[in-house]
Amino acid sequence: MPSSDYLSLDKGGEVVVDLGRVAVIDCLEYMPRNDDNFISPGDIYELFCHAGTEGWKSLGKQRADTTCLDWIVPDNALFWLRDLTRGREEHIFFMQNGRQKFPTF
């Protein structure tokens, strides 16, 4: 999985790829800036839900078979997904209209 980013000081900045030799590129894939926070097949994940004064409560663990995980979760809740295999850059999130949303502070 990629784990890099580039931030241009200028709007519309360029990215130059120097392969060190002449080469034909069949495909170039662009991804938004990330901390490798993808679901990785083979990794083990644990989902937590915040339970107020009781703190974080586990909703269970799953080994990822694909790049998606499925849990039945409560409405109007705050979640924390941990990659127990190799995770570090974890962020809390909530669900809104079926989509994962990350709070902005």
PDB file of N, CA and C in Angstrom:
ATOM      1  N   MET A   1       0.831  -1.183   0.000  1.00  0.00           N
ATOM      2  CA  MET A   1       0.000   0.000   0.000  1.00  0.00           C
ATOM      3  C   MET A   1       0.876   1.248   0.000  1.00  0.00           C
ATOM      4  N   PRO A   2       0.470   2.250  -0.764  1.00  0.00           N
ATOM      5  CA  PRO A   2       1.241   3.487  -0.789  1.00  0.00           C
ATOM      6  C   PRO A   2       1.109   4.261   0.518  1.00  0.00           C
ATOM      7  N   SER A   3       2.160   4.946   0.871  1.00  0.00           N
ATOM      8  CA  SER A   3       2.134   5.772   2.075  1.00  0.00           C
ATOM      9  C   SER A   3       3.035   6.965   1.842  1.00  0.00           C
ATOM     10  N   SER A   4       2.545   7.918   1.079  1.00  0.00           N
ATOM     11  CA  SER A   4       3.328   9.111   0.794  1.00  0.00           C
ATOM     12  C   SER A   4       2.373  10.252   0.486  1.00  0.00           C
ATOM     13  N   ASP A   5       2.911  11.433   0.466  1.00  0.00           N
ATOM     14  CA  ASP A   5       2.087  12.567   0.092  1.00  0.00           C
ATOM     15  C   ASP A   5       2.958  13.653  -0.504  1.00  0.00           C
ATOM     16  N   TYR A   6       2.310  14.571  -1.192  1.00  0.00           N
ATOM     17  CA  TYR A   6       2.970  15.708  -1.805  1.00  0.00           C
ATOM     18  C   TYR A   6       2.050  16.906  -1.644  1.00  0.00           C
ATOM     19  N   LEU A   7       2.578  18.009  -1.209  1.00  0.00           N
ATOM     20  CA  LEU A   7       1.798  19.221  -1.049  1.00  0.00           C
ATOM     21  C   LEU A   7       2.513  20.342  -1.787  1.00  0.00           C
ATOM     22  N   SER A   8       1.872  20.862  -2.829  1.00  0.00           N
ATOM     23  CA  SER A   8       2.441  21.938  -3.624  1.00  0.00           C
ATOM     24  C   SER A   8       2.207  23.276  -2.934  1.00  0.00           C
ATOM     25  N   LEU A   9       3.185  24.142  -2.981  1.00  0.00           N
ATOM     26  CA  LEU A   9       3.020  25.494  -2.454  1.00  0.00           C
ATOM     27  C   LEU A   9       2.184  26.353  -3.393  1.00  0.00           C
ATOM     28  N   ASP A  10       2.124  25.939  -4.657  1.00  0.00           N
ATOM     29  CA  ASP A  10       1.380  26.691  -5.669  1.00  0.00           C
ATOM     30  C   ASP A  10       0.144  25.920  -6.113  1.00  0.00           C
ATOM     31  N   LYS A  11      -0.955  26.642  -6.335  1.00  0.00           N
ATOM     32  CA  LYS A  11      -2.148  26.008  -6.868  1.00  0.00           C
ATOM     33  C   LYS A  11      -1.831  25.470  -8.259  1.00  0.00           C
ATOM     34  N   GLY A  12      -2.223  24.231  -8.518  1.00  0.00           N
ATOM     35  CA  GLY A  12      -1.945  23.629  -9.821  1.00  0.00           C
ATOM     36  C   GLY A  12      -0.509  23.169  -9.961  1.00  0.00           C
ATOM     37  N   GLY A  13       0.164  22.914  -8.840  1.00  0.00           N
ATOM     38  CA  GLY A  13       1.554  22.459  -8.878  1.00  0.00           C
ATOM     39  C   GLY A  13       1.715  21.171  -9.660  1.00  0.00           C
ATOM     40  N   GLU A  14       2.938  20.881 -10.061  1.00  0.00           N
ATOM     41  CA  GLU A  14       3.236  19.703 -10.872  1.00  0.00           C
ATOM     42  C   GLU A  14       3.899  18.619 -10.039  1.00  0.00           C
ATOM     43  N   VAL A  15       3.741  17.393 -10.500  1.00  0.00           N
ATOM     44  CA  VAL A  15       4.440  16.258  -9.933  1.00  0.00           C
ATOM     45  C   VAL A  15       5.280  15.666 -11.053  1.00  0.00           C
ATOM     46  N   VAL A  16       6.567  15.503 -10.809  1.00  0.00           N
ATOM     47  CA  VAL A  16       7.472  14.936 -11.802  1.00  0.00           C
ATOM     48  C   VAL A  16       7.963  13.593 -11.272  1.00  0.00           C
ATOM     49  N   VAL A  17       7.854  12.560 -12.110  1.00  0.00           N
ATOM     50  CA  VAL A  17       8.319  11.228 -11.743  1.00  0.00           C
ATOM     51  C   VAL A  17       9.604  10.958 -12.517  1.00  0.00           C
ATOM     52  N   ASP A  18      10.708  10.817 -11.814  1.00  0.00           N
ATOM     53  CA  ASP A  18      11.999  10.534 -12.436  1.00  0.00           C
ATOM     54  C   ASP A  18      12.344   9.074 -12.183  1.00  0.00           C
ATOM     55  N   LEU A  19      12.235   8.254 -13.212  1.00  0.00           N
ATOM     56  CA  LEU A  19      12.524   6.831 -13.076  1.00  0.00           C
ATOM     57  C   LEU A  19      14.011   6.525 -13.267  1.00  0.00           C
ATOM     58  N   GLY A  20      14.786   7.544 -13.598  1.00  0.00           N
ATOM     59  CA  GLY A  20      16.224   7.344 -13.763  1.00  0.00           C
ATOM     60  C   GLY A  20      16.598   6.738 -15.104  1.00  0.00           C
ATOM     61  N   ARG A  21      15.615   6.495 -15.958  1.00  0.00           N
ATOM     62  CA  ARG A  21      15.864   5.941 -17.286  1.00  0.00           C
ATOM     63  C   ARG A  21      14.629   6.188 -18.144  1.00  0.00           C
ATOM     64  N   VAL A  22      14.757   6.008 -19.439  1.00  0.00           N
ATOM     65  CA  VAL A  22      13.608   6.124 -20.332  1.00  0.00           C
ATOM     66  C   VAL A  22      12.727   4.901 -20.122  1.00  0.00           C
ATOM     67  N   ALA A  23      11.436   5.121 -19.945  1.00  0.00           N
ATOM     68  CA  ALA A  23      10.518   4.006 -19.696  1.00  0.00           C
ATOM     69  C   ALA A  23       9.137   4.349 -20.228  1.00  0.00           C
ATOM     70  N   VAL A  24       8.383   3.333 -20.557  1.00  0.00           N
ATOM     71  CA  VAL A  24       6.993   3.493 -20.966  1.00  0.00           C
ATOM     72  C   VAL A  24       6.131   3.217 -19.740  1.00  0.00           C
ATOM     73  N   ILE A  25       5.232   4.142 -19.419  1.00  0.00           N
ATOM     74  CA  ILE A  25       4.325   3.975 -18.289  1.00  0.00           C
ATOM     75  C   ILE A  25       2.955   3.644 -18.860  1.00  0.00           C
ATOM     76  N   ASP A  26       2.470   2.449 -18.547  1.00  0.00           N
ATOM     77  CA  ASP A  26       1.159   2.018 -19.034  1.00  0.00           C
ATOM     78  C   ASP A  26       0.025   2.587 -18.207  1.00  0.00           C
ATOM     79  N   CYS A  27       0.289   2.823 -16.916  1.00  0.00           N
ATOM     80  CA  CYS A  27      -0.770   3.264 -16.028  1.00  0.00           C
ATOM     81  C   CYS A  27      -0.156   4.048 -14.870  1.00  0.00           C
ATOM     82  N   LEU A  28      -0.802   5.111 -14.478  1.00  0.00           N
ATOM     83  CA  LEU A  28      -0.398   5.881 -13.313  1.00  0.00           C
ATOM     84  C   LEU A  28      -1.638   6.070 -12.469  1.00  0.00           C
ATOM     85  N   GLU A  29      -1.589   5.639 -11.210  1.00  0.00           N
ATOM     86  CA  GLU A  29      -2.750   5.723 -10.336  1.00  0.00           C
ATOM     87  C   GLU A  29      -2.540   6.833  -9.322  1.00  0.00           C
ATOM     88  N   TYR A  30      -3.493   7.740  -9.235  1.00  0.00           N
ATOM     89  CA  TYR A  30      -3.435   8.843  -8.285  1.00  0.00           C
ATOM     90  C   TYR A  30      -4.362   8.540  -7.120  1.00  0.00           C
ATOM     91  N   MET A  31      -3.884   8.755  -5.917  1.00  0.00           N
ATOM     92  CA  MET A  31      -4.710   8.598  -4.721  1.00  0.00           C
ATOM     93  C   MET A  31      -4.613   9.870  -3.908  1.00  0.00           C
ATOM     94  N   PRO A  32      -5.681  10.226  -3.202  1.00  0.00           N
ATOM     95  CA  PRO A  32      -5.597  11.393  -2.337  1.00  0.00           C
ATOM     96  C   PRO A  32      -4.551  11.179  -1.241  1.00  0.00           C
ATOM     97  N   ARG A  33      -4.073  12.272  -0.677  1.00  0.00           N
ATOM     98  CA  ARG A  33      -3.113  12.201   0.419  1.00  0.00           C
ATOM     99  C   ARG A  33      -3.629  11.247   1.483  1.00  0.00           C
ATOM    100  N   ASN A  34      -2.740  10.394   1.984  1.00  0.00           N
ATOM    101  CA  ASN A  34      -3.182   9.395   2.942  1.00  0.00           C
ATOM    102  C   ASN A  34      -2.053   8.986   3.864  1.00  0.00           C
ATOM    103  N   ASP A  35      -2.417   8.288   4.935  1.00  0.00           N
ATOM    104  CA  ASP A  35      -1.466   7.717   5.888  1.00  0.00           C
ATOM    105  C   ASP A  35      -1.525   6.200   5.815  1.00  0.00           C
ATOM    106  N   ASP A  36      -1.846   5.666   4.629  1.00  0.00           N
ATOM    107  CA  ASP A  36      -2.040   4.233   4.432  1.00  0.00           C
ATOM    108  C   ASP A  36      -3.165   3.731   5.325  1.00  0.00           C
ATOM    109  N   ASN A  37      -4.243   4.491   5.376  1.00  0.00           N
ATOM    110  CA  ASN A  37      -5.397   4.086   6.180  1.00  0.00           C
ATOM    111  C   ASN A  37      -6.405   3.324   5.329  1.00  0.00           C
ATOM    112  N   PHE A  38      -5.918   2.314   4.638  1.00  0.00           N
ATOM    113  CA  PHE A  38      -6.776   1.472   3.837  1.00  0.00           C
ATOM    114  C   PHE A  38      -7.071   0.196   4.610  1.00  0.00           C
ATOM    115  N   ILE A  39      -8.110  -0.513   4.221  1.00  0.00           N
ATOM    116  CA  ILE A  39      -8.352  -1.850   4.750  1.00  0.00           C
ATOM    117  C   ILE A  39      -7.480  -2.796   3.930  1.00  0.00           C
ATOM    118  N   SER A  40      -6.589  -3.515   4.597  1.00  0.00           N
ATOM    119  CA  SER A  40      -5.644  -4.396   3.918  1.00  0.00           C
ATOM    120  C   SER A  40      -6.021  -5.853   4.154  1.00  0.00           C
ATOM    121  N   PRO A  41      -6.298  -6.600   3.072  1.00  0.00           N
ATOM    122  CA  PRO A  41      -6.618  -8.019   3.238  1.00  0.00           C
ATOM    123  C   PRO A  41      -5.541  -8.735   4.048  1.00  0.00           C
ATOM    124  N   GLY A  42      -5.995  -9.549   5.010  1.00  0.00           N
ATOM    125  CA  GLY A  42      -5.090 -10.288   5.879  1.00  0.00           C
ATOM    126  C   GLY A  42      -4.883  -9.627   7.230  1.00  0.00           C
ATOM    127  N   ASP A  43      -5.086  -8.314   7.307  1.00  0.00           N
ATOM    128  CA  ASP A  43      -4.929  -7.613   8.584  1.00  0.00           C
ATOM    129  C   ASP A  43      -6.148  -7.876   9.479  1.00  0.00           C
ATOM    130  N   ILE A  44      -5.932  -7.794  10.781  1.00  0.00           N
ATOM    131  CA  ILE A  44      -7.011  -7.983  11.757  1.00  0.00           C
ATOM    132  C   ILE A  44      -7.413  -6.613  12.303  1.00  0.00           C
ATOM    133  N   TYR A  45      -8.715  -6.358  12.318  1.00  0.00           N
ATOM    134  CA  TYR A  45      -9.257  -5.073  12.744  1.00  0.00           C
ATOM    135  C   TYR A  45     -10.199  -5.266  13.920  1.00  0.00           C
ATOM    136  N   GLU A  46     -10.266  -4.241  14.776  1.00  0.00           N
ATOM    137  CA  GLU A  46     -11.228  -4.226  15.871  1.00  0.00           C
ATOM    138  C   GLU A  46     -11.951  -2.891  15.833  1.00  0.00           C
ATOM    139  N   LEU A  47     -13.276  -2.947  15.862  1.00  0.00           N
ATOM    140  CA  LEU A  47     -14.090  -1.734  15.825  1.00  0.00           C
ATOM    141  C   LEU A  47     -14.599  -1.435  17.229  1.00  0.00           C
ATOM    142  N   PHE A  48     -14.440  -0.178  17.646  1.00  0.00           N
ATOM    143  CA  PHE A  48     -14.918   0.286  18.945  1.00  0.00           C
ATOM    144  C   PHE A  48     -16.000   1.334  18.738  1.00  0.00           C
ATOM    145  N   CYS A  49     -16.919   1.396  19.687  1.00  0.00           N
ATOM    146  CA  CYS A  49     -17.979   2.395  19.704  1.00  0.00           C
ATOM    147  C   CYS A  49     -17.886   3.115  21.042  1.00  0.00           C
ATOM    148  N   HIS A  50     -18.003   4.434  21.025  1.00  0.00           N
ATOM    149  CA  HIS A  50     -17.915   5.180  22.284  1.00  0.00           C
ATOM    150  C   HIS A  50     -19.234   5.069  23.029  1.00  0.00           C
ATOM    151  N   ALA A  51     -19.153   4.649  24.297  1.00  0.00           N
ATOM    152  CA  ALA A  51     -20.344   4.406  25.120  1.00  0.00           C
ATOM    153  C   ALA A  51     -20.444   5.401  26.270  1.00  0.00           C
ATOM    154  N   GLY A  52     -20.156   6.662  25.995  1.00  0.00           N
ATOM    155  CA  GLY A  52     -20.295   7.704  27.012  1.00  0.00           C
ATOM    156  C   GLY A  52     -19.357   7.500  28.187  1.00  0.00           C
ATOM    157  N   THR A  53     -19.903   7.490  29.391  1.00  0.00           N
ATOM    158  CA  THR A  53     -19.067   7.369  30.590  1.00  0.00           C
ATOM    159  C   THR A  53     -18.387   6.005  30.701  1.00  0.00           C
ATOM    160  N   GLU A  54     -18.848   5.028  29.932  1.00  0.00           N
ATOM    161  CA  GLU A  54     -18.224   3.696  29.940  1.00  0.00           C
ATOM    162  C   GLU A  54     -17.008   3.623  29.018  1.00  0.00           C
ATOM    163  N   GLY A  55     -16.783   4.673  28.240  1.00  0.00           N
ATOM    164  CA  GLY A  55     -15.631   4.699  27.336  1.00  0.00           C
ATOM    165  C   GLY A  55     -15.841   3.879  26.077  1.00  0.00           C
ATOM    166  N   TRP A  56     -14.749   3.430  25.480  1.00  0.00           N
ATOM    167  CA  TRP A  56     -14.784   2.689  24.221  1.00  0.00           C
ATOM    168  C   TRP A  56     -15.137   1.227  24.472  1.00  0.00           C
ATOM    169  N   LYS A  57     -16.137   0.715  23.743  1.00  0.00           N
ATOM    170  CA  LYS A  57     -16.571  -0.676  23.852  1.00  0.00           C
ATOM    171  C   LYS A  57     -16.330  -1.377  22.514  1.00  0.00           C
ATOM    172  N   SER A  58     -15.727  -2.553  22.555  1.00  0.00           N
ATOM    173  CA  SER A  58     -15.439  -3.298  21.337  1.00  0.00           C
ATOM    174  C   SER A  58     -16.715  -3.861  20.723  1.00  0.00           C
ATOM    175  N   LEU A  59     -16.838  -3.717  19.405  1.00  0.00           N
ATOM    176  CA  LEU A  59     -17.933  -4.329  18.656  1.00  0.00           C
ATOM    177  C   LEU A  59     -17.454  -5.605  17.968  1.00  0.00           C
ATOM    178  N   GLY A  60     -16.221  -6.012  18.246  1.00  0.00           N
ATOM    179  CA  GLY A  60     -15.698  -7.257  17.701  1.00  0.00           C
ATOM    180  C   GLY A  60     -14.490  -7.064  16.803  1.00  0.00           C
ATOM    181  N   LYS A  61     -13.881  -8.194  16.463  1.00  0.00           N
ATOM    182  CA  LYS A  61     -12.694  -8.211  15.596  1.00  0.00           C
ATOM    183  C   LYS A  61     -13.028  -8.935  14.305  1.00  0.00           C
ATOM    184  N   GLN A  62     -12.325  -8.543  13.229  1.00  0.00           N
ATOM    185  CA  GLN A  62     -12.476  -9.203  11.923  1.00  0.00           C
ATOM    186  C   GLN A  62     -11.131  -9.247  11.227  1.00  0.00           C
ATOM    187  N   ARG A  63     -10.894 -10.345  10.504  1.00  0.00           N
ATOM    188  CA  ARG A  63      -9.746 -10.405   9.582  1.00  0.00           C
ATOM    189  C   ARG A  63     -10.283  -9.995   8.217  1.00  0.00           C
ATOM    190  N   ALA A  64      -9.633  -9.034   7.581  1.00  0.00           N
ATOM    191  CA  ALA A  64     -10.094  -8.545   6.287  1.00  0.00           C
ATOM    192  C   ALA A  64      -9.795  -9.566   5.191  1.00  0.00           C
ATOM    193  N   ASP A  65     -10.844  -9.958   4.463  1.00  0.00           N
ATOM    194  CA  ASP A  65     -10.674 -10.825   3.291  1.00  0.00           C
ATOM    195  C   ASP A  65     -10.559  -9.991   2.026  1.00  0.00           C
ATOM    196  N   THR A  66     -11.149  -8.782   2.069  1.00  0.00           N
ATOM    197  CA  THR A  66     -11.117  -7.848   0.939  1.00  0.00           C
ATOM    198  C   THR A  66     -10.740  -6.484   1.497  1.00  0.00           C
ATOM    199  N   THR A  67     -10.983  -5.430   0.735  1.00  0.00           N
ATOM    200  CA  THR A  67     -10.693  -4.071   1.193  1.00  0.00           C
ATOM    201  C   THR A  67     -11.892  -3.439   1.904  1.00  0.00           C
ATOM    202  N   CYS A  68     -12.885  -4.260   2.255  1.00  0.00           N
ATOM    203  CA  CYS A  68     -14.073  -3.784   2.972  1.00  0.00           C
ATOM    204  C   CYS A  68     -14.298  -4.629   4.220  1.00  0.00           C
ATOM    205  N   LEU A  69     -14.868  -4.011   5.239  1.00  0.00           N
ATOM    206  CA  LEU A  69     -15.274  -4.697   6.465  1.00  0.00           C
ATOM    207  C   LEU A  69     -16.745  -4.387   6.703  1.00  0.00           C
ATOM    208  N   ASP A  70     -17.481  -5.330   7.279  1.00  0.00           N
ATOM    209  CA  ASP A  70     -18.900  -5.118   7.573  1.00  0.00           C
ATOM    210  C   ASP A  70     -19.176  -5.371   9.046  1.00  0.00           C
ATOM    211  N   TRP A  71     -19.837  -4.424   9.679  1.00  0.00           N
ATOM    212  CA  TRP A  71     -20.299  -4.556  11.055  1.00  0.00           C
ATOM    213  C   TRP A  71     -21.721  -4.016  11.116  1.00  0.00           C
ATOM    214  N   ILE A  72     -22.515  -4.517  12.015  1.00  0.00           N
ATOM    215  CA  ILE A  72     -23.804  -3.900  12.331  1.00  0.00           C
ATOM    216  C   ILE A  72     -23.513  -2.948  13.481  1.00  0.00           C
ATOM    217  N   VAL A  73     -23.814  -1.665  13.279  1.00  0.00           N
ATOM    218  CA  VAL A  73     -23.417  -0.647  14.248  1.00  0.00           C
ATOM    219  C   VAL A  73     -24.625   0.164  14.716  1.00  0.00           C
ATOM    220  N   PRO A  74     -24.534   0.722  15.923  1.00  0.00           N
ATOM    221  CA  PRO A  74     -25.631   1.569  16.416  1.00  0.00           C
ATOM    222  C   PRO A  74     -25.681   2.910  15.668  1.00  0.00           C
ATOM    223  N   ASP A  75     -26.866   3.508  15.655  1.00  0.00           N
ATOM    224  CA  ASP A  75     -27.039   4.834  15.058  1.00  0.00           C
ATOM    225  C   ASP A  75     -26.443   5.906  15.960  1.00  0.00           C
ATOM    226  N   ASN A  76     -26.113   7.047  15.370  1.00  0.00           N
ATOM    227  CA  ASN A  76     -25.667   8.233  16.107  1.00  0.00           C
ATOM    228  C   ASN A  76     -24.533   7.917  17.081  1.00  0.00           C
ATOM    229  N   ALA A  77     -23.519   7.253  16.593  1.00  0.00           N
ATOM    230  CA  ALA A  77     -22.424   6.843  17.460  1.00  0.00           C
ATOM    231  C   ALA A  77     -21.083   7.298  16.893  1.00  0.00           C
ATOM    232  N   LEU A  78     -20.105   7.313  17.762  1.00  0.00           N
ATOM    233  CA  LEU A  78     -18.733   7.647  17.402  1.00  0.00           C
ATOM    234  C   LEU A  78     -17.937   6.352  17.394  1.00  0.00           C
ATOM    235  N   PHE A  79     -17.156   6.131  16.324  1.00  0.00           N
ATOM    236  CA  PHE A  79     -16.436   4.871  16.151  1.00  0.00           C
ATOM    237  C   PHE A  79     -14.929   5.083  16.068  1.00  0.00           C
ATOM    238  N   TRP A  80     -14.206   3.992  16.339  1.00  0.00           N
ATOM    239  CA  TRP A  80     -12.748   3.973  16.252  1.00  0.00           C
ATOM    240  C   TRP A  80     -12.366   2.602  15.726  1.00  0.00           C
ATOM    241  N   LEU A  81     -11.793   2.544  14.526  1.00  0.00           N
ATOM    242  CA  LEU A  81     -11.369   1.288  13.916  1.00  0.00           C
ATOM    243  C   LEU A  81      -9.868   1.146  14.073  1.00  0.00           C
ATOM    244  N   ARG A  82      -9.437   0.055  14.701  1.00  0.00           N
ATOM    245  CA  ARG A  82      -8.014  -0.187  14.928  1.00  0.00           C
ATOM    246  C   ARG A  82      -7.536  -1.321  14.040  1.00  0.00           C
ATOM    247  N   ASP A  83      -6.427  -1.109  13.349  1.00  0.00           N
ATOM    248  CA  ASP A  83      -5.750  -2.176  12.617  1.00  0.00           C
ATOM    249  C   ASP A  83      -4.788  -2.807  13.611  1.00  0.00           C
ATOM    250  N   LEU A  84      -5.141  -3.964  14.136  1.00  0.00           N
ATOM    251  CA  LEU A  84      -4.337  -4.605  15.168  1.00  0.00           C
ATOM    252  C   LEU A  84      -3.056  -5.209  14.604  1.00  0.00           C
ATOM    253  N   THR A  85      -2.981  -5.378  13.291  1.00  0.00           N
ATOM    254  CA  THR A  85      -1.813  -5.975  12.659  1.00  0.00           C
ATOM    255  C   THR A  85      -0.678  -4.970  12.519  1.00  0.00           C
ATOM    256  N   ARG A  86      -0.999  -3.773  12.062  1.00  0.00           N
ATOM    257  CA  ARG A  86       0.071  -2.809  11.800  1.00  0.00           C
ATOM    258  C   ARG A  86      -0.394  -1.352  11.833  1.00  0.00           C
ATOM    259  N   GLY A  87      -1.519  -1.067  12.460  1.00  0.00           N
ATOM    260  CA  GLY A  87      -2.078   0.284  12.437  1.00  0.00           C
ATOM    261  C   GLY A  87      -1.373   1.261  13.350  1.00  0.00           C
ATOM    262  N   ARG A  88      -1.400   2.522  12.944  1.00  0.00           N
ATOM    263  CA  ARG A  88      -0.855   3.605  13.755  1.00  0.00           C
ATOM    264  C   ARG A  88      -1.672   4.871  13.601  1.00  0.00           C
ATOM    265  N   GLU A  89      -1.953   5.268  12.388  1.00  0.00           N
ATOM    266  CA  GLU A  89      -2.621   6.541  12.114  1.00  0.00           C
ATOM    267  C   GLU A  89      -4.136   6.358  12.135  1.00  0.00           C
ATOM    268  N   GLU A  90      -4.698   6.167  13.312  1.00  0.00           N
ATOM    269  CA  GLU A  90      -6.125   5.899  13.431  1.00  0.00           C
ATOM    270  C   GLU A  90      -6.878   7.167  13.806  1.00  0.00           C
ATOM    271  N   HIS A  91      -8.097   7.295  13.287  1.00  0.00           N
ATOM    272  CA  HIS A  91      -8.917   8.470  13.553  1.00  0.00           C
ATOM    273  C   HIS A  91     -10.334   8.027  13.907  1.00  0.00           C
ATOM    274  N   ILE A  92     -10.979   8.770  14.786  1.00  0.00           N
ATOM    275  CA  ILE A  92     -12.374   8.486  15.091  1.00  0.00           C
ATOM    276  C   ILE A  92     -13.230   8.914  13.898  1.00  0.00           C
ATOM    277  N   PHE A  93     -14.421   8.322  13.784  1.00  0.00           N
ATOM    278  CA  PHE A  93     -15.321   8.672  12.694  1.00  0.00           C
ATOM    279  C   PHE A  93     -16.758   8.397  13.119  1.00  0.00           C
ATOM    280  N   PHE A  94     -17.690   8.856  12.297  1.00  0.00           N
ATOM    281  CA  PHE A  94     -19.104   8.567  12.489  1.00  0.00           C
ATOM    282  C   PHE A  94     -19.698   8.257  11.125  1.00  0.00           C
ATOM    283  N   MET A  95     -20.895   7.718  11.119  1.00  0.00           N
ATOM    284  CA  MET A  95     -21.572   7.384   9.870  1.00  0.00           C
ATOM    285  C   MET A  95     -22.679   8.407   9.624  1.00  0.00           C
ATOM    286  N   GLN A  96     -22.780   8.866   8.370  1.00  0.00           N
ATOM    287  CA  GLN A  96     -23.824   9.819   7.997  1.00  0.00           C
ATOM    288  C   GLN A  96     -24.316   9.449   6.602  1.00  0.00           C
ATOM    289  N   ASN A  97     -25.597   9.139   6.501  1.00  0.00           N
ATOM    290  CA  ASN A  97     -26.195   8.735   5.229  1.00  0.00           C
ATOM    291  C   ASN A  97     -25.425   7.573   4.596  1.00  0.00           C
ATOM    292  N   GLY A  98     -25.007   6.620   5.426  1.00  0.00           N
ATOM    293  CA  GLY A  98     -24.320   5.433   4.931  1.00  0.00           C
ATOM    294  C   GLY A  98     -22.871   5.640   4.544  1.00  0.00           C
ATOM    295  N   ARG A  99     -22.314   6.794   4.845  1.00  0.00           N
ATOM    296  CA  ARG A  99     -20.922   7.087   4.477  1.00  0.00           C
ATOM    297  C   ARG A  99     -20.097   7.401   5.720  1.00  0.00           C
ATOM    298  N   GLN A 100     -18.845   7.002   5.685  1.00  0.00           N
ATOM    299  CA  GLN A 100     -17.922   7.262   6.786  1.00  0.00           C
ATOM    300  C   GLN A 100     -17.488   8.723   6.736  1.00  0.00           C
ATOM    301  N   LYS A 101     -17.596   9.411   7.871  1.00  0.00           N
ATOM    302  CA  LYS A 101     -17.219  10.822   7.971  1.00  0.00           C
ATOM    303  C   LYS A 101     -16.223  11.001   9.111  1.00  0.00           C
ATOM    304  N   PHE A 102     -15.204  11.802   8.865  1.00  0.00           N
ATOM    305  CA  PHE A 102     -14.207  12.091   9.887  1.00  0.00           C
ATOM    306  C   PHE A 102     -14.424  13.510  10.406  1.00  0.00           C
ATOM    307  N   PRO A 103     -14.518  13.680  11.731  1.00  0.00           N
ATOM    308  CA  PRO A 103     -14.720  15.029  12.271  1.00  0.00           C
ATOM    309  C   PRO A 103     -13.541  15.947  11.929  1.00  0.00           C
ATOM    310  N   THR A 104     -13.847  17.188  11.681  1.00  0.00           N
ATOM    311  CA  THR A 104     -12.798  18.183  11.473  1.00  0.00           C
ATOM    312  C   THR A 104     -12.789  19.091  12.688  1.00  0.00           C
ATOM    313  N   PHE A 105     -11.639  19.275  13.242  1.00  0.00           N
ATOM    314  CA  PHE A 105     -11.500  20.078  14.466  1.00  0.00           C
ATOM    315  C   PHE A 105     -10.869  21.404  14.160  1.00  0.00           C
TER     316      PHE A 105
END
